[in-house]
C-alpha atoms as a PDB file:
ATOM      1  CA  UNK A   1      -0.018  -0.200  -0.147  1.00  0.00           C
ATOM      2  CA  UNK A   2       1.176   3.792  -0.873  1.00  0.00           C
ATOM      3  CA  UNK A   3       2.138   5.982   1.905  1.00  0.00           C
ATOM      4  CA  UNK A   4      -0.479   8.504   0.339  1.00  0.00           C
ATOM      5  CA  UNK A   5      -3.038   6.102   0.472  1.00  0.00           C
ATOM      6  CA  UNK A   6      -2.333   4.654   4.245  1.00  0.00           C
ATOM      7  CA  UNK A   7      -2.549   8.444   5.081  1.00  0.00           C
ATOM      8  CA  UNK A   8      -6.177   8.779   3.553  1.00  0.00           C
ATOM      9  CA  UNK A   9      -6.882   5.858   5.409  1.00  0.00           C
ATOM     10  CA  UNK A  10      -5.841   7.545   8.925  1.00  0.00           C
ATOM     11  CA  UNK A  11      -7.411  10.677   8.057  1.00  0.00           C
ATOM     12  CA  UNK A  12     -10.479   8.938   7.258  1.00  0.00           C
ATOM     13  CA  UNK A  13     -10.278   6.616  10.484  1.00  0.00           C
ATOM     14  CA  UNK A  14      -9.640   9.986  12.415  1.00  0.00           C
ATOM     15  CA  UNK A  15     -12.942  11.029  10.878  1.00  0.00           C
ATOM     16  CA  UNK A  16     -15.041   7.894  12.013  1.00  0.00           C
ATOM     17  CA  UNK A  17     -13.216   7.835  15.780  1.00  0.00           C
ATOM     18  CA  UNK A  18     -14.132  11.774  16.156  1.00  0.00           C
ATOM     19  CA  UNK A  19     -17.543  11.584  14.412  1.00  0.00           C
ATOM     20  CA  UNK A  20     -16.875  15.243  13.253  1.00  0.00           C
ATOM     21  CA  UNK A  21     -17.320  14.943   9.312  1.00  0.00           C
ATOM     22  CA  UNK A  22     -16.204  18.731   7.891  1.00  0.00           C
ATOM     23  CA  UNK A  23     -13.446  19.771   5.993  1.00  0.00           C
ATOM     24  CA  UNK A  24     -11.376  20.936   8.873  1.00  0.00           C
ATOM     25  CA  UNK A  25     -11.364  17.965  10.709  1.00  0.00           C
ATOM     26  CA  UNK A  26     -10.011  15.697   7.328  1.00  0.00           C
ATOM     27  CA  UNK A  27      -7.656  17.955   7.161  1.00  0.00           C
ATOM     28  CA  UNK A  28      -6.282  17.913  10.819  1.00  0.00           C
ATOM     29  CA  UNK A  29      -6.811  13.993  10.158  1.00  0.00           C
ATOM     30  CA  UNK A  30      -4.610  14.057   7.017  1.00  0.00           C
ATOM     31  CA  UNK A  31      -1.954  15.826   8.847  1.00  0.00           C
ATOM     32  CA  UNK A  32      -2.069  13.638  12.079  1.00  0.00           C
ATOM     33  CA  UNK A  33      -2.190  10.545   9.658  1.00  0.00           C
ATOM     34  CA  UNK A  34       1.496  12.226   8.245  1.00  0.00           C
ATOM     35  CA  UNK A  35       3.166  12.663  11.381  1.00  0.00           C
ATOM     36  CA  UNK A  36       2.365   8.866  12.576  1.00  0.00           C
ATOM     37  CA  UNK A  37       3.716   7.741   9.366  1.00  0.00           C
ATOM     38  CA  UNK A  38       6.345  10.139   9.567  1.00  0.00           C
ATOM     39  CA  UNK A  39       7.212   8.393  13.181  1.00  0.00           C
ATOM     40  CA  UNK A  40       7.560   5.223  11.370  1.00  0.00           C
ATOM     41  CA  UNK A  41       8.794   6.443   8.203  1.00  0.00           C
ATOM     42  CA  UNK A  42      11.590   3.672   8.300  1.00  0.00           C
ATOM     43  CA  UNK A  43       9.291   0.816   9.085  1.00  0.00           C
ATOM     44  CA  UNK A  44       6.766   1.068   5.879  1.00  0.00           C
ATOM     45  CA  UNK A  45       9.426   2.699   3.739  1.00  0.00           C
ATOM     46  CA  UNK A  46       7.490   6.142   3.398  1.00  0.00           C
ATOM     47  CA  UNK A  47      10.987   8.207   3.410  1.00  0.00           C
ATOM     48  CA  UNK A  48      10.686   9.239  -0.058  1.00  0.00           C
ATOM     49  CA  UNK A  49       6.853  10.225   0.766  1.00  0.00           C
ATOM     50  CA  UNK A  50       7.712  13.025   2.424  1.00  0.00           C
ATOM     51  CA  UNK A  51      10.175  14.326   0.171  1.00  0.00           C
ATOM     52  CA  UNK A  52       7.804  13.906  -2.719  1.00  0.00           C
ATOM     53  CA  UNK A  53       6.210  16.254  -0.088  1.00  0.00           C
ATOM     54  CA  UNK A  54       8.702  18.794   0.445  1.00  0.00           C
ATOM     55  CA  UNK A  55       8.758  19.153  -3.835  1.00  0.00           C
ATOM     56  CA  UNK A  56       5.178  19.838  -4.212  1.00  0.00           C
ATOM     57  CA  UNK A  57       5.109  22.144  -1.225  1.00  0.00           C
ATOM     58  CA  UNK A  58       8.109  24.310  -2.718  1.00  0.00           C
ATOM     59  CA  UNK A  59       6.169  23.870  -6.287  1.00  0.00           C
ATOM     60  CA  UNK A  60       3.394  25.846  -4.516  1.00  0.00           C
ATOM     61  CA  UNK A  61       4.960  28.148  -2.471  1.00  0.00           C
ATOM     62  CA  UNK A  62       6.904  28.897  -6.171  1.00  0.00           C
ATOM     63  CA  UNK A  63       3.297  29.239  -8.027  1.00  0.00           C
ATOM     64  CA  UNK A  64       2.302  31.595  -5.710  1.00  0.00           C
ATOM     65  CA  UNK A  65       5.094  33.615  -5.818  1.00  0.00           C
ATOM     66  CA  UNK A  66       5.244  34.199  -9.007  1.00  0.00           C
ATOM     67  CA  UNK A  67       1.003  34.914  -9.016  1.00  0.00           C
ATOM     68  CA  UNK A  68       1.981  37.409  -7.148  1.00  0.00           C
ATOM     69  CA  UNK A  69       4.433  39.113  -8.826  1.00  0.00           C
ATOM     70  CA  UNK A  70       2.624  38.961 -12.225  1.00  0.00           C
ATOM     71  CA  UNK A  71      -0.509  40.702 -10.253  1.00  0.00           C
ATOM     72  CA  UNK A  72       2.092  43.131  -9.735  1.00  0.00           C
ATOM     73  CA  UNK A  73       3.323  43.712 -12.527  1.00  0.00           C
ATOM     74  CA  UNK A  74      -0.185  43.862 -14.172  1.00  0.00           C
ATOM     75  CA  UNK A  75      -1.102  46.349 -11.688  1.00  0.00           C
ATOM     76  CA  UNK A  76       1.430  48.338 -11.890  1.00  0.00           C
ATOM     77  CA  UNK A  77       0.937  48.887 -15.991  1.00  0.00           C
ATOM     78  CA  UNK A  78      -2.996  49.445 -15.461  1.00  0.00           C
ATOM     79  CA  UNK A  79      -2.511  51.806 -12.931  1.00  0.00           C
ATOM     80  CA  UNK A  80      -0.252  54.396 -15.554  1.00  0.00           C
ATOM     81  CA  UNK A  81      -1.867  57.441 -16.587  1.00  0.00           C
ATOM     82  CA  UNK A  82      -0.946  56.713 -20.153  1.00  0.00           C
ATOM     83  CA  UNK A  83      -1.341  52.991 -21.133  1.00  0.00           C
ATOM     84  CA  UNK A  84       1.517  52.382 -23.989  1.00  0.00           C
ATOM     85  CA  UNK A  85      -0.074  49.135 -24.877  1.00  0.00           C
ATOM     86  CA  UNK A  86       0.449  47.571 -28.249  1.00  0.00           C
ATOM     87  CA  UNK A  87      -1.566  44.971 -29.119  1.00  0.00           C
ATOM     88  CA  UNK A  88      -1.139  42.044 -31.652  1.00  0.00           C
END
């Protein structure tokens, strides 16, 4: 079984145990399951799962940064008194 599927199953077990079927509770259960898998990563072979998680997190942070920079550039161009746009 892959570590991601095990993490999802642990999150679903958390939902059943707590009895609260909300998105926030599911996310908390997912992080709780990830923490428990992290503690036993050598026994279940989940070392690469957490390395991939770091890569995904860095990609998401890069996407947010790039989106903020592009939004700032568009705002600067739009707010100029004279638009010097030459489309197409």
